[in-house]
N, C-alpha and C. Protein backbone atom coordinates (compact mmCIF):
# COMPACT_ATOMS: atom_id res chain seq x y z
N LEU A 1 0.81 -1.20 0.00
CA LEU A 1 0.00 0.00 0.00
C LEU A 1 0.85 1.27 0.00
N LEU A 2 2.00 1.19 0.62
CA LEU A 2 2.86 2.37 0.66
C LEU A 2 3.26 2.80 -0.75
N ALA A 3 3.42 1.84 -1.66
CA ALA A 3 3.81 2.16 -3.03
C ALA A 3 2.71 2.94 -3.77
N THR A 4 1.46 2.83 -3.31
CA THR A 4 0.35 3.54 -3.95
C THR A 4 0.13 4.92 -3.35
N GLY A 5 0.97 5.29 -2.41
CA GLY A 5 0.84 6.61 -1.79
C GLY A 5 0.16 6.59 -0.44
N CYS A 6 -0.21 5.41 0.02
CA CYS A 6 -0.83 5.31 1.35
C CYS A 6 0.24 5.47 2.41
N CYS A 7 -0.17 5.94 3.56
CA CYS A 7 0.76 6.04 4.68
C CYS A 7 0.06 5.48 5.91
N PRO A 8 0.82 5.14 6.93
CA PRO A 8 0.18 4.67 8.16
C PRO A 8 -0.81 5.73 8.67
N GLY A 9 -1.85 5.28 9.35
CA GLY A 9 -2.89 6.20 9.81
C GLY A 9 -2.68 6.77 11.19
N ASP A 10 -1.51 6.56 11.77
CA ASP A 10 -1.28 7.13 13.11
C ASP A 10 -1.08 8.64 13.01
N VAL A 11 -1.32 9.33 14.09
CA VAL A 11 -1.29 10.79 14.12
C VAL A 11 0.05 11.35 13.64
N ALA A 12 1.15 10.76 14.08
CA ALA A 12 2.48 11.28 13.71
C ALA A 12 2.70 11.18 12.20
N SER A 13 2.31 10.07 11.58
CA SER A 13 2.50 9.90 10.13
C SER A 13 1.62 10.86 9.34
N VAL A 14 0.37 11.03 9.78
CA VAL A 14 -0.54 11.94 9.09
C VAL A 14 -0.04 13.37 9.23
N ARG A 15 0.41 13.75 10.43
CA ARG A 15 0.94 15.10 10.66
C ARG A 15 2.12 15.36 9.73
N GLN A 16 3.00 14.37 9.59
CA GLN A 16 4.17 14.51 8.71
C GLN A 16 3.74 14.76 7.26
N GLN A 17 2.74 14.02 6.80
CA GLN A 17 2.25 14.21 5.42
C GLN A 17 1.65 15.60 5.24
N LEU A 18 0.88 16.05 6.22
CA LEU A 18 0.25 17.39 6.14
C LEU A 18 1.32 18.48 6.13
N GLN A 19 2.36 18.31 6.92
CA GLN A 19 3.43 19.31 6.97
C GLN A 19 4.19 19.37 5.65
N LYS A 20 4.19 18.26 4.90
CA LYS A 20 4.83 18.26 3.58
C LYS A 20 3.91 18.84 2.51
N GLY A 21 2.66 19.15 2.90
CA GLY A 21 1.70 19.72 1.94
C GLY A 21 0.90 18.67 1.18
N THR A 22 0.96 17.44 1.63
CA THR A 22 0.23 16.35 0.99
C THR A 22 -1.22 16.36 1.45
N SER A 23 -2.15 16.19 0.51
CA SER A 23 -3.55 16.02 0.89
C SER A 23 -3.72 14.63 1.47
N VAL A 24 -4.52 14.53 2.51
CA VAL A 24 -4.73 13.27 3.19
C VAL A 24 -6.22 12.98 3.26
N ALA A 25 -6.61 11.78 2.86
CA ALA A 25 -8.00 11.34 2.99
C ALA A 25 -8.07 10.31 4.11
N ILE A 26 -8.95 10.58 5.06
CA ILE A 26 -9.13 9.68 6.20
C ILE A 26 -10.59 9.30 6.25
N HIS A 27 -10.86 8.02 6.39
CA HIS A 27 -12.24 7.54 6.46
C HIS A 27 -12.50 7.05 7.88
N PRO A 28 -12.91 7.97 8.76
CA PRO A 28 -13.20 7.53 10.12
C PRO A 28 -14.49 6.73 10.15
N GLY A 29 -14.69 6.02 11.22
CA GLY A 29 -15.92 5.25 11.36
C GLY A 29 -15.64 3.77 11.33
N GLY A 30 -15.30 3.28 10.17
CA GLY A 30 -14.93 1.87 10.01
C GLY A 30 -15.94 0.92 10.61
N TRP A 31 -15.47 0.00 11.43
CA TRP A 31 -16.31 -1.04 11.99
C TRP A 31 -17.44 -0.46 12.85
N GLN A 32 -17.18 0.65 13.54
CA GLN A 32 -18.22 1.25 14.36
C GLN A 32 -19.44 1.61 13.52
N GLU A 33 -19.24 2.02 12.27
CA GLU A 33 -20.36 2.37 11.40
C GLU A 33 -21.00 1.13 10.79
N VAL A 34 -20.21 0.12 10.50
CA VAL A 34 -20.74 -1.11 9.91
C VAL A 34 -21.73 -1.77 10.86
N LYS A 35 -21.53 -1.62 12.16
CA LYS A 35 -22.44 -2.21 13.15
C LYS A 35 -23.86 -1.67 13.02
N HIS A 36 -24.03 -0.50 12.42
CA HIS A 36 -25.35 0.13 12.29
C HIS A 36 -25.96 -0.23 10.93
N VAL A 37 -26.06 -1.53 10.64
CA VAL A 37 -26.57 -2.01 9.36
C VAL A 37 -27.99 -1.50 9.15
N GLY A 38 -28.27 -1.03 7.93
CA GLY A 38 -29.62 -0.61 7.58
C GLY A 38 -29.92 0.85 7.87
N THR A 39 -28.95 1.56 8.41
CA THR A 39 -29.14 2.99 8.68
C THR A 39 -27.96 3.76 8.07
N TYR A 40 -28.12 5.06 7.97
CA TYR A 40 -27.00 5.89 7.52
C TYR A 40 -26.46 6.60 8.75
N THR A 41 -25.67 5.87 9.51
CA THR A 41 -25.14 6.36 10.77
C THR A 41 -23.66 6.64 10.62
N LEU A 42 -23.27 7.85 11.01
CA LEU A 42 -21.86 8.23 11.01
C LEU A 42 -21.38 8.25 12.46
N VAL A 43 -20.28 7.59 12.72
CA VAL A 43 -19.75 7.56 14.07
C VAL A 43 -18.60 8.55 14.16
N VAL A 44 -18.75 9.51 15.05
CA VAL A 44 -17.73 10.53 15.25
C VAL A 44 -17.26 10.41 16.70
N PRO A 45 -16.02 10.00 16.92
CA PRO A 45 -15.53 9.91 18.30
C PRO A 45 -15.55 11.28 18.97
N PRO A 46 -15.88 11.32 20.27
CA PRO A 46 -15.96 12.61 20.97
C PRO A 46 -14.66 13.42 20.89
N ALA A 47 -13.53 12.76 20.96
CA ALA A 47 -12.24 13.46 20.88
C ALA A 47 -11.50 12.93 19.66
N SER A 48 -11.94 13.34 18.49
CA SER A 48 -11.39 12.81 17.24
C SER A 48 -10.00 13.34 16.96
N ASN A 49 -9.06 12.43 16.71
CA ASN A 49 -7.71 12.83 16.33
C ASN A 49 -7.71 13.61 15.03
N VAL A 50 -8.63 13.25 14.12
CA VAL A 50 -8.72 13.95 12.83
C VAL A 50 -9.06 15.42 13.06
N ILE A 51 -10.04 15.68 13.89
CA ILE A 51 -10.46 17.06 14.17
C ILE A 51 -9.35 17.80 14.90
N ASN A 52 -8.76 17.16 15.90
CA ASN A 52 -7.68 17.80 16.65
C ASN A 52 -6.51 18.16 15.73
N LEU A 53 -6.18 17.26 14.83
CA LEU A 53 -5.07 17.48 13.90
C LEU A 53 -5.39 18.62 12.94
N ALA A 54 -6.62 18.68 12.46
CA ALA A 54 -7.02 19.78 11.56
C ALA A 54 -6.96 21.11 12.29
N ALA A 55 -7.44 21.14 13.54
CA ALA A 55 -7.41 22.38 14.31
C ALA A 55 -5.97 22.81 14.58
N GLU A 56 -5.12 21.84 14.88
CA GLU A 56 -3.71 22.11 15.22
C GLU A 56 -2.91 22.59 14.00
N THR A 57 -3.13 21.95 12.85
CA THR A 57 -2.31 22.27 11.68
C THR A 57 -2.92 23.32 10.77
N GLY A 58 -4.23 23.59 10.95
CA GLY A 58 -4.89 24.59 10.13
C GLY A 58 -5.31 24.09 8.76
N VAL A 59 -5.27 22.78 8.53
CA VAL A 59 -5.71 22.25 7.23
C VAL A 59 -7.23 22.26 7.15
N GLN A 60 -7.74 22.23 5.94
CA GLN A 60 -9.18 22.22 5.74
C GLN A 60 -9.74 20.82 5.89
N LEU A 61 -10.96 20.75 6.41
CA LEU A 61 -11.70 19.50 6.47
C LEU A 61 -12.76 19.54 5.39
N VAL A 62 -12.86 18.49 4.61
CA VAL A 62 -13.88 18.44 3.56
C VAL A 62 -14.90 17.37 3.94
N PRO A 63 -16.15 17.78 4.19
CA PRO A 63 -17.18 16.78 4.49
C PRO A 63 -17.47 15.93 3.24
N VAL A 64 -17.50 14.62 3.42
CA VAL A 64 -17.74 13.70 2.31
C VAL A 64 -18.75 12.65 2.77
N LEU A 65 -19.72 12.37 1.92
CA LEU A 65 -20.67 11.29 2.17
C LEU A 65 -20.58 10.29 1.02
N CYS A 66 -20.53 9.01 1.38
CA CYS A 66 -20.58 7.93 0.39
C CYS A 66 -21.95 7.28 0.54
N MET A 67 -22.85 7.59 -0.36
CA MET A 67 -24.21 7.08 -0.27
C MET A 67 -24.34 5.78 -1.04
N GLY A 68 -24.96 4.79 -0.40
CA GLY A 68 -25.11 3.48 -0.98
C GLY A 68 -24.15 2.47 -0.37
N GLU A 69 -23.18 2.95 0.37
CA GLU A 69 -22.19 2.08 1.01
C GLU A 69 -22.86 1.09 1.95
N GLN A 70 -23.85 1.59 2.72
CA GLN A 70 -24.50 0.75 3.71
C GLN A 70 -25.27 -0.40 3.08
N GLU A 71 -25.65 -0.28 1.81
CA GLU A 71 -26.37 -1.35 1.12
C GLU A 71 -25.45 -2.47 0.67
N LEU A 72 -24.15 -2.24 0.73
CA LEU A 72 -23.19 -3.28 0.38
C LEU A 72 -22.93 -4.22 1.55
N VAL A 73 -23.29 -3.76 2.75
CA VAL A 73 -23.03 -4.53 3.96
C VAL A 73 -24.33 -5.22 4.36
N VAL A 74 -24.25 -6.51 4.56
CA VAL A 74 -25.42 -7.25 5.04
C VAL A 74 -25.08 -7.85 6.39
N GLU A 75 -26.09 -8.03 7.20
CA GLU A 75 -25.87 -8.60 8.51
C GLU A 75 -25.54 -10.08 8.37
N PRO A 76 -24.38 -10.51 8.87
CA PRO A 76 -23.99 -11.92 8.73
C PRO A 76 -24.97 -12.84 9.44
N LYS A 77 -25.34 -13.92 8.76
CA LYS A 77 -26.22 -14.95 9.33
C LYS A 77 -25.48 -16.27 9.18
N PRO A 78 -25.98 -17.33 9.84
CA PRO A 78 -25.31 -18.64 9.69
C PRO A 78 -25.14 -19.01 8.21
N GLY A 79 -23.98 -19.42 7.85
CA GLY A 79 -23.70 -19.81 6.47
C GLY A 79 -23.39 -18.63 5.55
N TYR A 80 -23.36 -17.42 6.10
CA TYR A 80 -23.18 -16.21 5.28
C TYR A 80 -21.89 -16.27 4.46
N PHE A 81 -20.79 -16.61 5.09
CA PHE A 81 -19.50 -16.55 4.40
C PHE A 81 -19.39 -17.62 3.30
N ILE A 82 -19.97 -18.80 3.53
CA ILE A 82 -19.96 -19.84 2.50
C ILE A 82 -20.82 -19.40 1.32
N THR A 83 -22.02 -18.87 1.62
CA THR A 83 -22.91 -18.38 0.57
C THR A 83 -22.22 -17.28 -0.22
N ARG A 84 -21.52 -16.40 0.47
CA ARG A 84 -20.83 -15.28 -0.17
C ARG A 84 -19.76 -15.78 -1.15
N LEU A 85 -19.09 -16.88 -0.79
CA LEU A 85 -18.07 -17.44 -1.66
C LEU A 85 -18.68 -18.10 -2.90
N LEU A 86 -19.85 -18.71 -2.74
CA LEU A 86 -20.47 -19.45 -3.84
C LEU A 86 -21.28 -18.56 -4.79
N ILE A 87 -21.84 -17.49 -4.27
CA ILE A 87 -22.69 -16.62 -5.08
C ILE A 87 -22.01 -15.25 -5.17
N SER A 88 -21.74 -14.83 -6.38
CA SER A 88 -21.09 -13.53 -6.52
C SER A 88 -22.07 -12.43 -6.12
N SER A 89 -21.56 -11.39 -5.54
CA SER A 89 -22.42 -10.29 -5.12
C SER A 89 -22.82 -9.44 -6.32
N ARG A 90 -23.99 -8.85 -6.24
CA ARG A 90 -24.46 -7.96 -7.30
C ARG A 90 -23.94 -6.57 -6.99
N PRO A 91 -23.37 -5.90 -7.97
CA PRO A 91 -22.84 -4.56 -7.73
C PRO A 91 -23.96 -3.59 -7.38
N LYS A 92 -23.66 -2.66 -6.55
CA LYS A 92 -24.61 -1.62 -6.14
C LYS A 92 -23.96 -0.27 -6.43
N PRO A 93 -24.76 0.71 -6.83
CA PRO A 93 -24.18 2.04 -7.09
C PRO A 93 -23.82 2.74 -5.78
N ILE A 94 -22.73 3.46 -5.82
CA ILE A 94 -22.31 4.30 -4.69
C ILE A 94 -22.14 5.71 -5.23
N LYS A 95 -22.72 6.65 -4.55
CA LYS A 95 -22.62 8.06 -4.94
C LYS A 95 -21.80 8.77 -3.86
N VAL A 96 -20.74 9.43 -4.29
CA VAL A 96 -19.87 10.16 -3.37
C VAL A 96 -20.07 11.65 -3.61
N VAL A 97 -20.39 12.38 -2.54
CA VAL A 97 -20.59 13.82 -2.66
C VAL A 97 -19.68 14.55 -1.67
N PHE A 98 -19.24 15.73 -2.09
CA PHE A 98 -18.31 16.52 -1.30
C PHE A 98 -18.97 17.84 -0.91
N GLY A 99 -18.78 18.24 0.34
CA GLY A 99 -19.27 19.53 0.80
C GLY A 99 -18.18 20.58 0.67
N GLN A 100 -18.50 21.78 1.09
CA GLN A 100 -17.53 22.87 1.06
C GLN A 100 -16.46 22.63 2.13
N PRO A 101 -15.21 22.90 1.82
CA PRO A 101 -14.14 22.74 2.82
C PRO A 101 -14.37 23.65 4.03
N LEU A 102 -14.03 23.14 5.19
CA LEU A 102 -14.13 23.91 6.44
C LEU A 102 -12.72 24.24 6.92
N GLN A 103 -12.51 25.49 7.21
CA GLN A 103 -11.22 25.95 7.74
C GLN A 103 -11.41 26.26 9.21
N SER A 104 -10.49 25.80 10.05
CA SER A 104 -10.61 26.15 11.47
C SER A 104 -10.41 27.65 11.62
N LYS A 105 -11.19 28.23 12.52
CA LYS A 105 -11.15 29.68 12.74
C LYS A 105 -10.21 30.00 13.89
N ALA A 106 -9.65 31.20 13.87
CA ALA A 106 -8.76 31.62 14.95
C ALA A 106 -9.50 31.54 16.28
N GLY A 107 -8.90 30.88 17.25
CA GLY A 107 -9.48 30.77 18.58
C GLY A 107 -10.54 29.68 18.70
N GLU A 108 -10.82 28.98 17.61
CA GLU A 108 -11.84 27.93 17.64
C GLU A 108 -11.25 26.66 18.24
N SER A 109 -11.98 26.07 19.15
CA SER A 109 -11.51 24.82 19.75
C SER A 109 -11.81 23.65 18.80
N ALA A 110 -11.17 22.52 19.08
CA ALA A 110 -11.41 21.32 18.29
C ALA A 110 -12.87 20.88 18.43
N VAL A 111 -13.46 21.07 19.59
CA VAL A 111 -14.86 20.71 19.83
C VAL A 111 -15.77 21.56 18.93
N GLN A 112 -15.50 22.85 18.84
CA GLN A 112 -16.30 23.73 17.99
C GLN A 112 -16.14 23.37 16.51
N LEU A 113 -14.92 23.05 16.11
CA LEU A 113 -14.68 22.65 14.72
C LEU A 113 -15.43 21.34 14.43
N GLN A 114 -15.41 20.42 15.36
CA GLN A 114 -16.12 19.16 15.17
C GLN A 114 -17.62 19.40 15.05
N GLU A 115 -18.16 20.31 15.84
CA GLU A 115 -19.59 20.64 15.75
C GLU A 115 -19.94 21.18 14.37
N ARG A 116 -19.08 22.04 13.82
CA ARG A 116 -19.32 22.58 12.48
C ARG A 116 -19.21 21.48 11.43
N TYR A 117 -18.25 20.57 11.61
CA TYR A 117 -18.06 19.46 10.68
C TYR A 117 -19.28 18.54 10.66
N VAL A 118 -19.77 18.20 11.84
CA VAL A 118 -20.96 17.34 11.94
C VAL A 118 -22.16 18.03 11.31
N ALA A 119 -22.33 19.32 11.58
CA ALA A 119 -23.44 20.08 10.97
C ALA A 119 -23.32 20.09 9.44
N ALA A 120 -22.10 20.19 8.94
CA ALA A 120 -21.88 20.18 7.49
C ALA A 120 -22.22 18.82 6.90
N LEU A 121 -21.91 17.74 7.60
CA LEU A 121 -22.26 16.40 7.13
C LEU A 121 -23.78 16.22 7.10
N GLU A 122 -24.45 16.71 8.15
CA GLU A 122 -25.91 16.60 8.20
C GLU A 122 -26.55 17.42 7.09
N ALA A 123 -26.03 18.62 6.84
CA ALA A 123 -26.56 19.48 5.77
C ALA A 123 -26.33 18.84 4.40
N LEU A 124 -25.18 18.21 4.22
CA LEU A 124 -24.87 17.54 2.96
C LEU A 124 -25.85 16.38 2.74
N GLY A 125 -26.14 15.65 3.79
CA GLY A 125 -27.12 14.57 3.69
C GLY A 125 -28.49 15.10 3.33
N LYS A 126 -28.90 16.18 3.98
CA LYS A 126 -30.21 16.78 3.70
C LYS A 126 -30.28 17.27 2.25
N GLN A 127 -29.21 17.87 1.78
CA GLN A 127 -29.14 18.37 0.40
C GLN A 127 -29.34 17.22 -0.61
N HIS A 128 -28.88 16.03 -0.25
CA HIS A 128 -28.98 14.88 -1.14
C HIS A 128 -30.05 13.89 -0.70
N GLU A 129 -30.96 14.37 0.17
CA GLU A 129 -32.12 13.60 0.62
C GLU A 129 -31.74 12.28 1.29
N VAL A 130 -30.72 12.34 2.13
CA VAL A 130 -30.28 11.19 2.92
C VAL A 130 -30.31 11.61 4.38
N LEU A 131 -31.06 10.85 5.18
CA LEU A 131 -31.11 11.15 6.61
C LEU A 131 -29.83 10.64 7.26
N VAL A 132 -29.02 11.57 7.70
CA VAL A 132 -27.74 11.23 8.33
C VAL A 132 -27.92 11.28 9.84
N LYS A 133 -27.59 10.20 10.50
CA LYS A 133 -27.64 10.14 11.96
C LYS A 133 -26.19 10.12 12.44
N VAL A 134 -25.84 11.08 13.27
CA VAL A 134 -24.48 11.15 13.80
C VAL A 134 -24.50 10.72 15.26
N VAL A 135 -23.68 9.75 15.58
CA VAL A 135 -23.55 9.31 16.96
C VAL A 135 -22.12 9.48 17.40
N GLN A 136 -21.95 9.70 18.68
CA GLN A 136 -20.60 9.84 19.21
C GLN A 136 -20.30 8.62 20.07
N GLU A 137 -19.35 7.84 19.61
CA GLU A 137 -18.92 6.63 20.32
C GLU A 137 -17.41 6.68 20.46
N SER A 138 -16.94 6.12 21.54
CA SER A 138 -15.49 6.00 21.70
C SER A 138 -14.99 4.94 20.75
N SER A 139 -13.80 5.18 20.20
CA SER A 139 -13.25 4.19 19.25
C SER A 139 -12.59 3.06 19.97
C-alpha cells in the first residue's frame, strides 16, 4: 500500500504528510459504522484525532458522504461466508458527494470545529435527501 501513496494512519504519520503539503484522505468510522446495518449512521468519536489534527495544523476538512455504502453490507447470518463465496455479489451504485471545505477559525476549539463538521455532514445529507444520523462513540 505504501507504493500507492498510502501512509500509516497514526497521528504522527498523518501530521508529517500534512506538513509536507500532501492532501490526506481519512475515512473515520470503520467497523463502528458497519455495526449500524440498515441505517446511515456516522460515528464521530468525541475526541477525534482527525479534528484535533485539523485544528492544530490549520488544514481544511472536507465533508464527504458515500451514499449506498450501507447497502453493500449485510448482517452476517449462519452460512453467510460460504454463501458469499459461492454466489457472486451484485454490484450496487455508490454516490460520493463533497461539501464545502471547512477551515478552522482563529481561537476555535477542536470541539467547535467538530460541531461545524458534523453540521456540514448533516446538511450535505439533507441536500442529497439522505437522513444522516451522527452518533458519538469511543473508538
